[in-house]
Amino acid sequence: VVMPTYLLLVSITYFSVEHASPGSFTEPLSRMAALYFSLSVFSTVGFGDIAAQTDLARGLVSLQIVCNLVLIGFGVRFVVAAVSWAKSHRSPSSGPEIT
C-alpha cells in the first residue's frame, strides 16, 4: 500500500508542477505521463524521453531519488526482520533447520 501511494503522490506532484509552470519537463505531462515518469525514476530506468528542465523539477526528482533509497532500505529491513522473526519462532517439529 505504501509504495503505490508514494508513487501516486509523486506523480501528482510532477503533474501539478508541470501545469503550474509549463516547460518544467521536456514535454508536457499528462496524468499518465507523470505516473510513467515517476515509475521510471523509481526504477532507475530513466529512458530519457522525459527529463526535468527547471531547478524546481530537478530538485523534486532529486528528492524522489533520495526517498526511493530510503523506502527501498526500509523494505529490505522489513524483509530481513521478517525472516529473522520466522527463524526464531520456528517450532522444533517443523523439520531440519537449514543453516
C-alpha atoms as a PDB file:
ATOM      1  CA  VAL A   1       0.000   0.000   0.000  1.00  0.00           C
ATOM      2  CA  VAL A   2       2.844   2.392   0.823  1.00  0.00           C
ATOM      3  CA  MET A   3       4.681   2.060  -2.486  1.00  0.00           C
ATOM      4  CA  PRO A   4       1.726   2.694  -4.841  1.00  0.00           C
ATOM      5  CA  THR A   5       0.517   5.582  -2.671  1.00  0.00           C
ATOM      6  CA  TYR A   6       4.002   7.107  -2.660  1.00  0.00           C
ATOM      7  CA  LEU A   7       4.335   6.806  -6.443  1.00  0.00           C
ATOM      8  CA  LEU A   8       0.879   8.307  -6.995  1.00  0.00           C
ATOM      9  CA  LEU A   9       1.731  11.269  -4.742  1.00  0.00           C
ATOM     10  CA  VAL A  10       4.997  11.843  -6.583  1.00  0.00           C
ATOM     11  CA  SER A  11       3.273  11.682  -9.973  1.00  0.00           C
ATOM     12  CA  ILE A  12       0.566  14.117  -8.789  1.00  0.00           C
ATOM     13  CA  THR A  13       3.352  16.463  -7.679  1.00  0.00           C
ATOM     14  CA  TYR A  14       5.055  16.276 -11.089  1.00  0.00           C
ATOM     15  CA  PHE A  15       1.723  16.801 -12.858  1.00  0.00           C
ATOM     16  CA  SER A  16       0.939  19.830 -10.668  1.00  0.00           C
ATOM     17  CA  VAL A  17       4.380  21.382 -11.186  1.00  0.00           C
ATOM     18  CA  GLU A  18       4.140  20.979 -14.963  1.00  0.00           C
ATOM     19  CA  HIS A  19       0.706  22.590 -15.074  1.00  0.00           C
ATOM     20  CA  ALA A  20       1.683  25.422 -12.724  1.00  0.00           C
ATOM     21  CA  SER A  21       4.890  26.093 -14.649  1.00  0.00           C
ATOM     22  CA  PRO A  22       4.778  24.686 -18.215  1.00  0.00           C
ATOM     23  CA  GLY A  23       8.204  23.746 -19.512  1.00  0.00           C
ATOM     24  CA  SER A  24       9.380  22.237 -16.226  1.00  0.00           C
ATOM     25  CA  PHE A  25       9.865  18.970 -18.103  1.00  0.00           C
ATOM     26  CA  THR A  26      10.996  18.256 -21.655  1.00  0.00           C
ATOM     27  CA  GLU A  27       7.414  17.534 -22.653  1.00  0.00           C
ATOM     28  CA  PRO A  28       4.011  18.434 -21.222  1.00  0.00           C
ATOM     29  CA  LEU A  29       2.935  15.885 -18.626  1.00  0.00           C
ATOM     30  CA  SER A  30      -0.482  14.293 -18.727  1.00  0.00           C
ATOM     31  CA  ARG A  31      -1.512  12.333 -15.641  1.00  0.00           C
ATOM     32  CA  MET A  32      -0.307   9.138 -17.310  1.00  0.00           C
ATOM     33  CA  ALA A  33       2.981  10.707 -18.403  1.00  0.00           C
ATOM     34  CA  ALA A  34       3.578  11.945 -14.840  1.00  0.00           C
ATOM     35  CA  LEU A  35       2.943   8.442 -13.461  1.00  0.00           C
ATOM     36  CA  TYR A  36       5.193   6.951 -16.142  1.00  0.00           C
ATOM     37  CA  PHE A  37       7.959   9.434 -15.285  1.00  0.00           C
ATOM     38  CA  SER A  38       7.706   8.759 -11.533  1.00  0.00           C
ATOM     39  CA  LEU A  39       7.863   5.000 -12.190  1.00  0.00           C
ATOM     40  CA  SER A  40      10.881   5.336 -14.494  1.00  0.00           C
ATOM     41  CA  VAL A  41      12.689   7.453 -11.882  1.00  0.00           C
ATOM     42  CA  PHE A  42      11.787   4.956  -9.131  1.00  0.00           C
ATOM     43  CA  SER A  43      13.008   2.000 -11.154  1.00  0.00           C
ATOM     44  CA  THR A  44      16.168   3.923 -12.157  1.00  0.00           C
ATOM     45  CA  VAL A  45      15.480   3.046 -15.795  1.00  0.00           C
ATOM     46  CA  GLY A  46      15.357   6.677 -16.903  1.00  0.00           C
ATOM     47  CA  PHE A  47      14.653   6.213 -20.609  1.00  0.00           C
ATOM     48  CA  GLY A  48      15.441   9.870 -21.258  1.00  0.00           C
ATOM     49  CA  ASP A  49      12.224  10.640 -23.105  1.00  0.00           C
ATOM     50  CA  ILE A  50      11.076  12.887 -20.244  1.00  0.00           C
ATOM     51  CA  ALA A  51      13.541  14.909 -18.183  1.00  0.00           C
ATOM     52  CA  ALA A  52      13.373  17.711 -15.638  1.00  0.00           C
ATOM     53  CA  GLN A  53      14.386  21.091 -17.073  1.00  0.00           C
ATOM     54  CA  THR A  54      13.905  23.636 -14.283  1.00  0.00           C
ATOM     55  CA  ASP A  55      15.631  23.795 -10.914  1.00  0.00           C
ATOM     56  CA  LEU A  56      12.336  23.094  -9.140  1.00  0.00           C
ATOM     57  CA  ALA A  57      11.664  19.998 -11.231  1.00  0.00           C
ATOM     58  CA  ARG A  58      15.251  18.787 -10.818  1.00  0.00           C
ATOM     59  CA  GLY A  59      15.018  19.339  -7.072  1.00  0.00           C
ATOM     60  CA  LEU A  60      11.816  17.301  -6.901  1.00  0.00           C
ATOM     61  CA  VAL A  61      13.350  14.490  -8.930  1.00  0.00           C
ATOM     62  CA  SER A  62      16.406  14.533  -6.645  1.00  0.00           C
ATOM     63  CA  LEU A  63      14.135  14.381  -3.604  1.00  0.00           C
ATOM     64  CA  GLN A  64      12.290  11.424  -5.127  1.00  0.00           C
ATOM     65  CA  ILE A  65      15.585   9.612  -5.697  1.00  0.00           C
ATOM     66  CA  VAL A  66      16.597  10.080  -2.040  1.00  0.00           C
ATOM     67  CA  CYS A  67      13.146   8.993  -0.844  1.00  0.00           C
ATOM     68  CA  ASN A  68      13.337   5.962  -3.167  1.00  0.00           C
ATOM     69  CA  LEU A  69      16.562   4.864  -1.492  1.00  0.00           C
ATOM     70  CA  VAL A  70      15.050   5.310   1.981  1.00  0.00           C
ATOM     71  CA  LEU A  71      11.896   3.417   1.005  1.00  0.00           C
ATOM     72  CA  ILE A  72      13.890   0.547  -0.513  1.00  0.00           C
ATOM     73  CA  GLY A  73      16.079   0.448   2.614  1.00  0.00           C
ATOM     74  CA  PHE A  74      13.018   0.142   4.853  1.00  0.00           C
ATOM     75  CA  GLY A  75      11.651  -2.589   2.581  1.00  0.00           C
ATOM     76  CA  VAL A  76      14.863  -4.598   2.799  1.00  0.00           C
ATOM     77  CA  ARG A  77      14.980  -4.107   6.569  1.00  0.00           C
ATOM     78  CA  PHE A  78      11.370  -5.311   6.864  1.00  0.00           C
ATOM     79  CA  VAL A  79      12.077  -8.472   4.856  1.00  0.00           C
ATOM     80  CA  VAL A  80      15.234  -9.241   6.866  1.00  0.00           C
ATOM     81  CA  ALA A  81      13.351  -8.716  10.145  1.00  0.00           C
ATOM     82  CA  ALA A  82      10.506 -10.967   8.986  1.00  0.00           C
ATOM     83  CA  VAL A  83      12.919 -13.751   8.022  1.00  0.00           C
ATOM     84  CA  SER A  84      14.771 -13.366  11.328  1.00  0.00           C
ATOM     85  CA  TRP A  85      11.500 -13.475  13.266  1.00  0.00           C
ATOM     86  CA  ALA A  86      10.352 -16.574  11.355  1.00  0.00           C
ATOM     87  CA  LYS A  87      13.637 -18.348  12.074  1.00  0.00           C
ATOM     88  CA  SER A  88      13.476 -17.547  15.781  1.00  0.00           C
ATOM     89  CA  HIS A  89       9.858 -18.736  16.072  1.00  0.00           C
ATOM     90  CA  ARG A  90      10.287 -21.947  14.123  1.00  0.00           C
ATOM     91  CA  SER A  91       8.978 -24.948  16.065  1.00  0.00           C
ATOM     92  CA  PRO A  92      11.383 -27.868  16.575  1.00  0.00           C
ATOM     93  CA  SER A  93       8.918 -30.253  14.892  1.00  0.00           C
ATOM     94  CA  SER A  94       8.931 -28.349  11.625  1.00  0.00           C
ATOM     95  CA  GLY A  95      11.861 -30.320  10.239  1.00  0.00           C
ATOM     96  CA  PRO A  96      15.602 -29.885   9.989  1.00  0.00           C
ATOM     97  CA  GLU A  97      16.859 -26.341  10.241  1.00  0.00           C
ATOM     98  CA  ILE A  98      18.697 -25.027   7.234  1.00  0.00           C
ATOM     99  CA  THR A  99      21.798 -23.055   8.088  1.00  0.00           C
END
